C-alpha atoms as a PDB file:
ATOM      1  CA  MET A   1      -0.138  -0.039  -0.013  1.00  0.00           C
ATOM      2  CA  PRO A   2       1.224   3.446  -0.692  1.00  0.00           C
ATOM      3  CA  ARG A   3       2.459   5.618   2.292  1.00  0.00           C
ATOM      4  CA  THR A   4      -0.075   8.050   3.459  1.00  0.00           C
ATOM      5  CA  ASP A   5       1.692   9.229   6.704  1.00  0.00           C
ATOM      6  CA  ASN A   6       3.181  12.809   7.261  1.00  0.00           C
ATOM      7  CA  ASN A   7       6.653  11.958   6.468  1.00  0.00           C
ATOM      8  CA  SER A   8       5.775  10.440   3.013  1.00  0.00           C
ATOM      9  CA  PRO A   9       7.708  12.450   0.132  1.00  0.00           C
ATOM     10  CA  GLN A  10       4.094  13.253  -1.440  1.00  0.00           C
ATOM     11  CA  SER A  11       2.572  14.953   1.766  1.00  0.00           C
ATOM     12  CA  SER A  12       5.772  16.724   2.427  1.00  0.00           C
ATOM     13  CA  LYS A  13       5.848  18.303  -0.931  1.00  0.00           C
ATOM     14  CA  LEU A  14       5.307  22.300  -0.813  1.00  0.00           C
ATOM     15  CA  PRO A  15       3.106  24.053  -3.327  1.00  0.00           C
ATOM     16  CA  GLU A  16       4.906  26.029  -5.819  1.00  0.00           C
ATOM     17  CA  PRO A  17       4.633  29.748  -4.904  1.00  0.00           C
ATOM     18  CA  THR A  18       2.800  32.003  -7.589  1.00  0.00           C
ATOM     19  CA  ILE A  19       3.899  35.702  -8.055  1.00  0.00           C
ATOM     20  CA  ASP A  20       1.237  38.410  -7.341  1.00  0.00           C
ATOM     21  CA  PHE A  21       2.408  41.184  -9.815  1.00  0.00           C
ATOM     22  CA  THR A  22       0.081  43.741  -8.283  1.00  0.00           C
ATOM     23  CA  PRO A  23       2.545  45.449  -5.843  1.00  0.00           C
ATOM     24  CA  TYR A  24       4.682  46.186  -9.093  1.00  0.00           C
ATOM     25  CA  LEU A  25       1.806  47.770 -10.980  1.00  0.00           C
ATOM     26  CA  ARG A  26       1.739  51.704 -10.420  1.00  0.00           C
ATOM     27  CA  GLU A  27       0.887  54.915 -12.013  1.00  0.00           C
ATOM     28  CA  PRO A  28       4.074  56.462 -13.579  1.00  0.00           C
ATOM     29  CA  LYS A  29       5.321  58.946 -11.287  1.00  0.00           C
ATOM     30  CA  TYR A  30       7.284  61.104 -14.188  1.00  0.00           C
ATOM     31  CA  SER A  31       6.649  62.953 -17.291  1.00  0.00           C
ATOM     32  CA  LEU A  32       8.862  63.303 -20.200  1.00  0.00           C
ATOM     33  CA  GLU A  33       9.203  67.082 -18.902  1.00  0.00           C
ATOM     34  CA  ASP A  34      10.817  65.461 -15.939  1.00  0.00           C
ATOM     35  CA  VAL A  35      13.477  63.503 -17.774  1.00  0.00           C
ATOM     36  CA  ILE A  36      16.758  65.254 -19.162  1.00  0.00           C
ATOM     37  CA  LEU A  37      18.282  63.150 -21.925  1.00  0.00           C
ATOM     38  CA  PRO A  38      20.414  63.562 -24.814  1.00  0.00           C
ATOM     39  CA  GLN A  39      18.592  65.019 -27.534  1.00  0.00           C
ATOM     40  CA  LYS A  40      18.945  62.055 -29.928  1.00  0.00           C
ATOM     41  CA  SER A  41      17.585  60.047 -27.341  1.00  0.00           C
ATOM     42  CA  LYS A  42      14.661  62.141 -26.517  1.00  0.00           C
ATOM     43  CA  LYS A  43      13.792  62.334 -30.198  1.00  0.00           C
ATOM     44  CA  GLN A  44      13.789  58.601 -30.427  1.00  0.00           C
ATOM     45  CA  ILE A  45      11.386  58.263 -27.414  1.00  0.00           C
ATOM     46  CA  GLU A  46       9.041  61.032 -29.218  1.00  0.00           C
ATOM     47  CA  SER A  47       9.276  58.812 -32.213  1.00  0.00           C
ATOM     48  CA  THR A  48       8.022  55.817 -30.438  1.00  0.00           C
ATOM     49  CA  ILE A  49       5.082  57.675 -28.970  1.00  0.00           C
ATOM     50  CA  VAL A  50       4.232  58.869 -32.621  1.00  0.00           C
ATOM     51  CA  GLU A  51       4.128  55.258 -33.760  1.00  0.00           C
ATOM     52  CA  LEU A  52       1.605  54.382 -31.136  1.00  0.00           C
ATOM     53  CA  GLU A  53      -0.359  57.284 -31.826  1.00  0.00           C
ATOM     54  CA  TYR A  54      -0.650  56.183 -35.410  1.00  0.00           C
ATOM     55  CA  GLN A  55      -0.919  52.410 -34.744  1.00  0.00           C
ATOM     56  CA  ASP A  56      -4.573  51.830 -35.818  1.00  0.00           C
ATOM     57  CA  LEU A  57      -3.681  53.723 -39.096  1.00  0.00           C
ATOM     58  CA  ILE A  58      -0.656  51.750 -39.867  1.00  0.00           C
ATOM     59  CA  TYR A  59      -1.660  48.247 -38.735  1.00  0.00           C
ATOM     60  CA  LYS A  60      -5.135  48.557 -39.577  1.00  0.00           C
ATOM     61  CA  ASP A  61      -6.135  50.839 -42.159  1.00  0.00           C
ATOM     62  CA  TRP A  62      -2.933  50.537 -44.149  1.00  0.00           C
ATOM     63  CA  GLY A  63      -2.732  46.836 -43.467  1.00  0.00           C
ATOM     64  CA  MET A  64       0.641  46.469 -42.092  1.00  0.00           C
ATOM     65  CA  GLY A  65      -0.810  44.027 -39.703  1.00  0.00           C
ATOM     66  CA  GLU A  66      -1.412  41.700 -42.336  1.00  0.00           C
ATOM     67  CA  LYS A  67       2.106  41.349 -43.333  1.00  0.00           C
ATOM     68  CA  HIS A  68       3.628  41.781 -40.133  1.00  0.00           C
ATOM     69  CA  LYS A  69       1.354  39.418 -37.930  1.00  0.00           C
ATOM     70  CA  LEU A  70       4.171  38.920 -34.995  1.00  0.00           C
ATOM     71  CA  ASP A  71       5.282  42.475 -34.889  1.00  0.00           C
ATOM     72  CA  LYS A  72       2.287  44.106 -33.233  1.00  0.00           C
ATOM     73  CA  ALA A  73       4.167  44.896 -30.030  1.00  0.00           C
ATOM     74  CA  LEU A  74       5.822  48.220 -29.509  1.00  0.00           C
ATOM     75  CA  SER A  75       9.061  47.150 -28.063  1.00  0.00           C
ATOM     76  CA  ILE A  76      11.836  49.361 -26.871  1.00  0.00           C
ATOM     77  CA  ASN A  77      15.104  48.693 -25.493  1.00  0.00           C
ATOM     78  CA  LEU A  78      17.061  51.313 -23.245  1.00  0.00           C
ATOM     79  CA  SER A  79      20.548  50.889 -22.848  1.00  0.00           C
ATOM     80  CA  GLY A  80      23.331  52.866 -21.347  1.00  0.00           C
ATOM     81  CA  PRO A  81      25.357  53.320 -18.154  1.00  0.00           C
ATOM     82  CA  PRO A  82      23.830  53.269 -14.700  1.00  0.00           C
ATOM     83  CA  GLY A  83      22.278  56.273 -13.504  1.00  0.00           C
ATOM     84  CA  THR A  84      21.384  57.720 -16.765  1.00  0.00           C
ATOM     85  CA  GLY A  85      17.638  57.646 -16.409  1.00  0.00           C
ATOM     86  CA  LYS A  86      16.330  54.352 -18.241  1.00  0.00           C
ATOM     87  CA  THR A  87      13.929  53.615 -15.498  1.00  0.00           C
ATOM     88  CA  LEU A  88      12.757  57.219 -15.385  1.00  0.00           C
ATOM     89  CA  THR A  89      12.276  57.221 -19.227  1.00  0.00           C
ATOM     90  CA  ALA A  90      10.227  54.143 -19.054  1.00  0.00           C
ATOM     91  CA  GLU A  91       8.025  55.776 -16.385  1.00  0.00           C
ATOM     92  CA  ALA A  92       7.781  59.056 -18.368  1.00  0.00           C
ATOM     93  CA  PHE A  93       6.846  56.930 -21.612  1.00  0.00           C
ATOM     94  CA  ALA A  94       3.991  55.186 -19.871  1.00  0.00           C
ATOM     95  CA  HIS A  95       2.860  58.568 -18.515  1.00  0.00           C
ATOM     96  CA  SER A  96       2.788  59.933 -22.084  1.00  0.00           C
ATOM     97  CA  VAL A  97       0.786  57.245 -23.378  1.00  0.00           C
ATOM     98  CA  LYS A  98      -1.701  57.348 -20.376  1.00  0.00           C
ATOM     99  CA  LYS A  99      -1.179  53.806 -18.976  1.00  0.00           C
ATOM    100  CA  LYS A 100       0.041  52.345 -15.870  1.00  0.00           C
ATOM    101  CA  ILE A 101       3.479  50.596 -15.604  1.00  0.00           C
ATOM    102  CA  LEU A 102       4.170  46.954 -14.667  1.00  0.00           C
ATOM    103  CA  VAL A 103       7.825  47.223 -13.082  1.00  0.00           C
ATOM    104  CA  VAL A 104       8.944  43.665 -12.951  1.00  0.00           C
ATOM    105  CA  PRO A 105      12.473  42.931 -11.231  1.00  0.00           C
ATOM    106  CA  TYR A 106      14.400  39.915 -12.365  1.00  0.00           C
ATOM    107  CA  GLN A 107      14.769  38.566  -8.668  1.00  0.00           C
ATOM    108  CA  GLN A 108      10.876  38.108  -8.791  1.00  0.00           C
ATOM    109  CA  LEU A 109      10.905  36.263 -11.953  1.00  0.00           C
ATOM    110  CA  GLU A 110      13.547  33.864 -11.311  1.00  0.00           C
ATOM    111  CA  SER A 111      12.456  30.709  -9.329  1.00  0.00           C
ATOM    112  CA  LYS A 112      14.315  27.903  -7.615  1.00  0.00           C
ATOM    113  CA  TYR A 113      11.882  25.692  -9.121  1.00  0.00           C
ATOM    114  CA  VAL A 114      13.184  24.439 -12.608  1.00  0.00           C
ATOM    115  CA  GLY A 115      10.566  25.489 -15.222  1.00  0.00           C
ATOM    116  CA  GLU A 116       9.000  28.133 -13.054  1.00  0.00           C
ATOM    117  CA  THR A 117      10.795  31.162 -14.391  1.00  0.00           C
ATOM    118  CA  PRO A 118       9.352  30.762 -17.833  1.00  0.00           C
ATOM    119  CA  LYS A 119       6.064  30.602 -16.469  1.00  0.00           C
ATOM    120  CA  ASN A 120       6.520  33.557 -14.294  1.00  0.00           C
ATOM    121  CA  ILE A 121       7.506  35.481 -17.588  1.00  0.00           C
ATOM    122  CA  ALA A 122       4.605  34.410 -19.348  1.00  0.00           C
ATOM    123  CA  LYS A 123       2.363  35.436 -16.340  1.00  0.00           C
ATOM    124  CA  ALA A 124       4.135  39.034 -16.445  1.00  0.00           C
ATOM    125  CA  PHE A 125       2.856  39.460 -20.050  1.00  0.00           C
ATOM    126  CA  GLU A 126      -0.671  37.974 -19.324  1.00  0.00           C
ATOM    127  CA  PHE A 127      -0.981  40.472 -16.001  1.00  0.00           C
ATOM    128  CA  ALA A 128       0.244  43.441 -18.200  1.00  0.00           C
ATOM    129  CA  THR A 129      -2.129  42.606 -20.908  1.00  0.00           C
ATOM    130  CA  SER A 130      -5.125  42.399 -18.475  1.00  0.00           C
ATOM    131  CA  ASN A 131      -4.270  45.670 -17.007  1.00  0.00           C
ATOM    132  CA  ASP A 132      -3.474  47.535 -20.247  1.00  0.00           C
ATOM    133  CA  ALA A 133       0.208  48.350 -18.709  1.00  0.00           C
ATOM    134  CA  VAL A 134       3.326  49.221 -20.135  1.00  0.00           C
ATOM    135  CA  LEU A 135       5.469  46.138 -19.365  1.00  0.00           C
ATOM    136  CA  PHE A 136       9.126  47.023 -18.095  1.00  0.00           C
ATOM    137  CA  PHE A 137      11.915  44.613 -17.670  1.00  0.00           C
ATOM    138  CA  ASP A 138      15.014  46.281 -15.690  1.00  0.00           C
ATOM    139  CA  GLU A 139      18.122  44.179 -15.769  1.00  0.00           C
ATOM    140  CA  ALA A 140      16.935  42.622 -19.012  1.00  0.00           C
ATOM    141  CA  ASP A 141      20.632  41.161 -19.650  1.00  0.00           C
ATOM    142  CA  SER A 142      19.679  38.574 -17.153  1.00  0.00           C
ATOM    143  CA  PHE A 143      17.052  36.853 -19.236  1.00  0.00           C
ATOM    144  CA  LEU A 144      17.786  38.126 -22.807  1.00  0.00           C
ATOM    145  CA  GLY A 145      21.250  36.753 -22.611  1.00  0.00           C
ATOM    146  CA  LYS A 146      22.910  34.330 -25.570  1.00  0.00           C
ATOM    147  CA  ARG A 147      21.517  30.857 -25.144  1.00  0.00           C
ATOM    148  CA  LEU A 148      23.929  28.239 -23.953  1.00  0.00           C
ATOM    149  CA  GLU A 149      25.116  26.008 -26.716  1.00  0.00           C
ATOM    150  CA  ASN A 150      26.871  23.256 -24.707  1.00  0.00           C
ATOM    151  CA  VAL A 151      23.832  22.067 -22.296  1.00  0.00           C
ATOM    152  CA  SER A 152      25.331  19.771 -19.529  1.00  0.00           C
ATOM    153  CA  GLN A 153      22.872  20.069 -16.860  1.00  0.00           C
ATOM    154  CA  SER A 154      19.201  20.878 -15.866  1.00  0.00           C
ATOM    155  CA  THR A 155      20.005  24.395 -15.158  1.00  0.00           C
ATOM    156  CA  ASP A 156      21.357  24.975 -18.417  1.00  0.00           C
ATOM    157  CA  THR A 157      18.163  23.592 -20.082  1.00  0.00           C
ATOM    158  CA  ALA A 158      16.136  25.829 -17.780  1.00  0.00           C
ATOM    159  CA  VAL A 159      18.144  28.936 -18.794  1.00  0.00           C
ATOM    160  CA  ASN A 160      17.716  28.183 -22.444  1.00  0.00           C
ATOM    161  CA  LEU A 161      13.972  27.646 -21.803  1.00  0.00           C
ATOM    162  CA  THR A 162      13.632  30.830 -20.146  1.00  0.00           C
ATOM    163  CA  ARG A 163      14.894  32.733 -23.033  1.00  0.00           C
ATOM    164  CA  SER A 164      12.902  30.808 -25.693  1.00  0.00           C
ATOM    165  CA  VAL A 165       9.756  31.662 -23.681  1.00  0.00           C
ATOM    166  CA  MET A 166      10.691  35.319 -23.773  1.00  0.00           C
ATOM    167  CA  LEU A 167      11.309  35.042 -27.534  1.00  0.00           C
ATOM    168  CA  LEU A 168       7.706  33.572 -27.738  1.00  0.00           C
ATOM    169  CA  GLN A 169       6.028  35.954 -25.730  1.00  0.00           C
ATOM    170  CA  LEU A 170       7.593  38.776 -27.219  1.00  0.00           C
ATOM    171  CA  SER A 171       6.709  37.824 -30.798  1.00  0.00           C
ATOM    172  CA  ALA A 172       2.779  37.272 -29.806  1.00  0.00           C
ATOM    173  CA  TYR A 173       2.643  40.349 -27.314  1.00  0.00           C
ATOM    174  CA  GLU A 174       0.545  43.141 -28.729  1.00  0.00           C
ATOM    175  CA  GLY A 175       1.124  45.606 -25.889  1.00  0.00           C
ATOM    176  CA  ILE A 176       4.162  47.752 -24.994  1.00  0.00           C
ATOM    177  CA  VAL A 177       7.257  46.229 -23.574  1.00  0.00           C
ATOM    178  CA  ILE A 178      10.432  48.307 -22.358  1.00  0.00           C
ATOM    179  CA  PHE A 179      13.679  46.570 -21.733  1.00  0.00           C
ATOM    180  CA  ALA A 180      16.627  48.357 -19.787  1.00  0.00           C
ATOM    181  CA  THR A 181      20.237  47.123 -19.587  1.00  0.00           C
ATOM    182  CA  ASN A 182      23.540  48.432 -19.023  1.00  0.00           C
ATOM    183  CA  LEU A 183      25.021  45.518 -20.622  1.00  0.00           C
ATOM    184  CA  ILE A 184      23.343  45.337 -23.965  1.00  0.00           C
ATOM    185  CA  TYR A 185      26.422  43.209 -25.675  1.00  0.00           C
ATOM    186  CA  ASN A 186      25.375  40.384 -23.300  1.00  0.00           C
ATOM    187  CA  TYR A 187      21.895  40.182 -25.509  1.00  0.00           C
ATOM    188  CA  ASP A 188      21.226  37.392 -27.733  1.00  0.00           C
ATOM    189  CA  PRO A 189      21.173  38.608 -31.530  1.00  0.00           C
ATOM    190  CA  ALA A 190      17.655  36.932 -31.683  1.00  0.00           C
ATOM    191  CA  PHE A 191      16.564  39.384 -29.107  1.00  0.00           C
ATOM    192  CA  ILE A 192      18.113  42.594 -30.597  1.00  0.00           C
ATOM    193  CA  SER A 193      16.595  41.808 -33.933  1.00  0.00           C
ATOM    194  CA  ARG A 194      13.102  41.595 -32.445  1.00  0.00           C
ATOM    195  CA  ILE A 195      13.240  44.965 -30.263  1.00  0.00           C
ATOM    196  CA  ARG A 196      11.755  47.548 -32.665  1.00  0.00           C
ATOM    197  CA  TRP A 197      13.359  50.656 -31.106  1.00  0.00           C
ATOM    198  CA  LYS A 198      16.847  50.530 -29.601  1.00  0.00           C
ATOM    199  CA  ILE A 199      17.774  53.720 -27.971  1.00  0.00           C
ATOM    200  CA  GLN A 200      20.900  54.389 -26.237  1.00  0.00           C
ATOM    201  CA  ILE A 201      21.175  56.735 -23.215  1.00  0.00           C
ATOM    202  CA  ASP A 202      24.412  58.149 -22.669  1.00  0.00           C
ATOM    203  CA  LEU A 203      25.998  60.132 -19.723  1.00  0.00           C
ATOM    204  CA  PRO A 204      24.625  63.938 -20.139  1.00  0.00           C
ATOM    205  CA  ASP A 205      26.710  66.236 -21.929  1.00  0.00           C
ATOM    206  CA  GLU A 206      27.603  69.690 -20.145  1.00  0.00           C
ATOM    207  CA  GLN A 207      24.292  71.241 -21.019  1.00  0.00           C
ATOM    208  CA  ALA A 208      22.171  68.382 -19.907  1.00  0.00           C
ATOM    209  CA  ARG A 209      24.430  68.344 -16.617  1.00  0.00           C
ATOM    210  CA  ALA A 210      23.838  72.093 -15.772  1.00  0.00           C
ATOM    211  CA  LYS A 211      19.914  71.364 -16.150  1.00  0.00           C
ATOM    212  CA  ILE A 212      19.976  68.058 -13.858  1.00  0.00           C
ATOM    213  CA  TRP A 213      22.245  70.151 -11.223  1.00  0.00           C
ATOM    214  CA  GLN A 214      18.959  72.931 -11.489  1.00  0.00           C
ATOM    215  CA  VAL A 215      16.200  70.659 -11.245  1.00  0.00           C
ATOM    216  CA  GLN A 216      17.327  69.016  -8.182  1.00  0.00           C
ATOM    217  CA  ILE A 217      16.938  72.240  -6.295  1.00  0.00           C
ATOM    218  CA  PRO A 218      13.695  73.139  -4.473  1.00  0.00           C
ATOM    219  CA  GLN A 219      12.584  76.876  -4.238  1.00  0.00           C
ATOM    220  CA  LYS A 220      12.822  76.620  -0.518  1.00  0.00           C
ATOM    221  CA  LEU A 221      16.570  75.504  -0.244  1.00  0.00           C
ATOM    222  CA  PRO A 222      18.902  78.298   0.885  1.00  0.00           C
ATOM    223  CA  LEU A 223      21.571  78.527  -1.767  1.00  0.00           C
ATOM    224  CA  ASP A 224      24.726  80.799  -1.258  1.00  0.00           C
ATOM    225  CA  LYS A 225      25.390  83.388  -3.991  1.00  0.00           C
ATOM    226  CA  SER A 226      28.523  81.419  -4.713  1.00  0.00           C
ATOM    227  CA  VAL A 227      26.473  78.456  -6.215  1.00  0.00           C
ATOM    228  CA  ASP A 228      27.354  78.366  -9.759  1.00  0.00           C
ATOM    229  CA  PHE A 229      25.453  75.086 -11.671  1.00  0.00           C
ATOM    230  CA  ALA A 230      27.311  75.937 -14.957  1.00  0.00           C
ATOM    231  CA  GLN A 231      30.492  75.923 -13.400  1.00  0.00           C
ATOM    232  CA  LEU A 232      29.696  72.511 -11.907  1.00  0.00           C
ATOM    233  CA  ALA A 233      28.615  71.031 -15.179  1.00  0.00           C
ATOM    234  CA  SER A 234      31.761  72.261 -16.756  1.00  0.00           C
ATOM    235  CA  GLN A 235      34.127  71.150 -13.942  1.00  0.00           C
ATOM    236  CA  PHE A 236      32.778  67.591 -13.541  1.00  0.00           C
ATOM    237  CA  ASP A 237      32.075  65.393 -16.739  1.00  0.00           C
ATOM    238  CA  GLY A 238      31.677  61.631 -17.148  1.00  0.00           C
ATOM    239  CA  ILE A 239      28.921  61.754 -14.355  1.00  0.00           C
ATOM    240  CA  SER A 240      25.450  60.564 -14.535  1.00  0.00           C
ATOM    241  CA  GLY A 241      22.272  62.234 -13.509  1.00  0.00           C
ATOM    242  CA  ARG A 242      22.288  59.915 -10.474  1.00  0.00           C
ATOM    243  CA  ASP A 243      25.241  61.040  -9.445  1.00  0.00           C
ATOM    244  CA  ILE A 244      24.419  64.475  -9.527  1.00  0.00           C
ATOM    245  CA  LYS A 245      21.041  63.578  -7.457  1.00  0.00           C
ATOM    246  CA  ASN A 246      23.084  61.992  -4.865  1.00  0.00           C
ATOM    247  CA  ALA A 247      25.810  64.849  -4.685  1.00  0.00           C
ATOM    248  CA  VAL A 248      23.072  67.218  -4.073  1.00  0.00           C
ATOM    249  CA  LEU A 249      21.735  65.136  -1.326  1.00  0.00           C
ATOM    250  CA  LYS A 250      25.084  64.732   0.111  1.00  0.00           C
ATOM    251  CA  ALA A 251      25.731  68.884  -0.050  1.00  0.00           C
ATOM    252  CA  VAL A 252      22.571  69.685   1.750  1.00  0.00           C
ATOM    253  CA  VAL A 253      23.223  67.263   4.578  1.00  0.00           C
ATOM    254  CA  SER A 254      26.789  68.709   5.080  1.00  0.00           C
ATOM    255  CA  ALA A 255      24.945  72.114   5.044  1.00  0.00           C
ATOM    256  CA  ALA A 256      22.373  71.106   7.404  1.00  0.00           C
ATOM    257  CA  LYS A 257      24.597  69.718  10.034  1.00  0.00           C
ATOM    258  CA  GLU A 258      27.073  72.760  10.228  1.00  0.00           C
ATOM    259  CA  ASN A 259      27.307  74.354  13.661  1.00  0.00           C
ATOM    260  CA  LYS A 260      25.262  77.378  12.715  1.00  0.00           C
ATOM    261  CA  ILE A 261      21.808  78.672  13.618  1.00  0.00           C
ATOM    262  CA  THR A 262      19.122  77.492  11.213  1.00  0.00           C
ATOM    263  CA  GLU A 263      18.726  80.911   9.708  1.00  0.00           C
ATOM    264  CA  GLN A 264      22.410  81.216   8.656  1.00  0.00           C
ATOM    265  CA  LYS A 265      22.830  77.888   6.915  1.00  0.00           C
ATOM    266  CA  GLN A 266      23.129  77.695   3.446  1.00  0.00           C
ATOM    267  CA  VAL A 267      24.345  75.414   0.712  1.00  0.00           C
ATOM    268  CA  THR A 268      27.507  76.552  -1.059  1.00  0.00           C
ATOM    269  CA  GLN A 269      29.348  76.141  -3.884  1.00  0.00           C
ATOM    270  CA  SER A 270      31.943  74.164  -1.736  1.00  0.00           C
ATOM    271  CA  HIS A 271      29.507  71.782  -0.387  1.00  0.00           C
ATOM    272  CA  PHE A 272      28.404  70.748  -4.050  1.00  0.00           C
ATOM    273  CA  ILE A 273      32.160  70.428  -5.005  1.00  0.00           C
ATOM    274  CA  GLU A 274      32.980  68.057  -1.978  1.00  0.00           C
ATOM    275  CA  ALA A 275      29.971  65.986  -2.533  1.00  0.00           C
ATOM    276  CA  ILE A 276      30.564  65.326  -6.193  1.00  0.00           C
ATOM    277  CA  THR A 277      34.256  64.693  -5.802  1.00  0.00           C
ATOM    278  CA  GLU A 278      33.448  62.237  -3.160  1.00  0.00           C
ATOM    279  CA  ILE A 279      31.029  60.470  -5.575  1.00  0.00           C
ATOM    280  CA  ILE A 280      33.451  60.443  -8.454  1.00  0.00           C
ATOM    281  CA  ALA A 281      36.157  58.930  -6.104  1.00  0.00           C
ATOM    282  CA  ALA A 282      33.697  56.304  -5.060  1.00  0.00           C
ATOM    283  CA  ASN A 283      32.582  55.495  -8.501  1.00  0.00           C
ATOM    284  CA  GLN A 284      36.280  54.924  -9.527  1.00  0.00           C
ATOM    285  CA  ALA A 285      37.341  52.917  -6.519  1.00  0.00           C
ATOM    286  CA  SER A 286      34.450  50.487  -7.584  1.00  0.00           C
ATOM    287  CA  VAL A 287      35.852  49.960 -11.248  1.00  0.00           C
ATOM    288  CA  LYS A 288      37.645  46.844 -11.603  1.00  0.00           C
ATOM    289  CA  PRO A 289      41.137  47.305 -12.772  1.00  0.00           C
ATOM    290  CA  GLU A 290      42.496  46.197 -15.999  1.00  0.00           C
ATOM    291  CA  PHE A 291      45.923  44.608 -16.037  1.00  0.00           C
ATOM    292  CA  LYS A 292      48.103  44.915 -19.251  1.00  0.00           C
ATOM    293  CA  ILE A 293      51.537  43.380 -20.116  1.00  0.00           C
ATOM    294  CA  THR A 294      53.511  46.100 -21.533  1.00  0.00           C
ATOM    295  CA  PRO A 295      56.423  44.641 -23.905  1.00  0.00           C
ATOM    296  CA  VAL A 296      59.913  45.863 -23.453  1.00  0.00           C
ATOM    297  CA  ASN A 297      62.123  46.030 -26.530  1.00  0.00           C
ATOM    298  CA  GLY A 298      59.454  44.042 -28.249  1.00  0.00           C
ATOM    299  CA  GLN A 299      59.179  41.368 -25.951  1.00  0.00           C
ATOM    300  CA  VAL A 300      57.722  40.395 -22.466  1.00  0.00           C
ATOM    301  CA  ASP A 301      60.088  39.137 -19.924  1.00  0.00           C
ATOM    302  CA  LEU A 302      58.574  36.421 -17.787  1.00  0.00           C
ATOM    303  CA  PRO A 303      59.909  34.719 -14.599  1.00  0.00           C
ATOM    304  CA  SER A 304      62.020  31.629 -15.672  1.00  0.00           C
ATOM    305  CA  GLU A 305      59.402  29.250 -13.965  1.00  0.00           C
ATOM    306  CA  ARG A 306      56.652  30.871 -16.182  1.00  0.00           C
ATOM    307  CA  MET A 307      58.979  30.222 -19.435  1.00  0.00           C
ATOM    308  CA  ASN A 308      59.453  26.613 -18.300  1.00  0.00           C
ATOM    309  CA  ALA A 309      55.788  26.030 -17.949  1.00  0.00           C
ATOM    310  CA  ILE A 310      54.974  27.695 -21.227  1.00  0.00           C
ATOM    311  CA  SER A 311      57.619  25.462 -22.909  1.00  0.00           C
ATOM    312  CA  ASN A 312      56.660  22.269 -21.241  1.00  0.00           C
END
């Protein structure tokens, strides 16, 4: 007779968890007016909105839907360095088209149960469709990466299945889906070819940096007359909008904790300079160093034991 006690494998098996996407569905917090982007990137975003505006004309009245039956999704990829505003841009896009945004974090999609991650991806598309929401995948390189050729274990099979399901969902989807990544070079070419709009968001130029500094400042903030955002934008390049945002917060905290009466406390240019300098130093410290072998007289000198190892 089969075992029916509480210690049997059948009775001890736990039900596989299901994801409730409701907490990740929200109204967009930002509009395009809030986003400061390179001009080229902003024009591309505006073009995607135009495509959506004329979607019925293009795909129904003009018959493009008959020829492109698997291309009905408005798919966008936002790539660029960290802190350049990719998530902000996705929210602003959703605001522009008057839809909610479903922000799906990869760690919620990934399951320890083999075969569950592809199901979770399919559920995300279904949930976005039923709620007429813009579907947004951050860190998209995690599941849009190249498929594994040498499959040696079940986890490898699961990885390839996940990516195949994403391809199928993307091909069949008729809504709006936005991917964001810092590592687009890790994408599988099959995904890149299926994504309609590929928008690169680079670090802000000097003009954009000046605007970003300025928009971080509320009217109530007491600024010293020494503050010059144009000078800050000129002096500190190679930084992201997030770096500037964090620098402003650090500068304000530094000014607030000074040993002065409240009425005399002001944020000065020195506060901003010190804050952004610290952030740049922290960014540089976190970059993995690259080691290079420099030839001397046309050759590289190696220790004798290394030479013996190579010759053997």
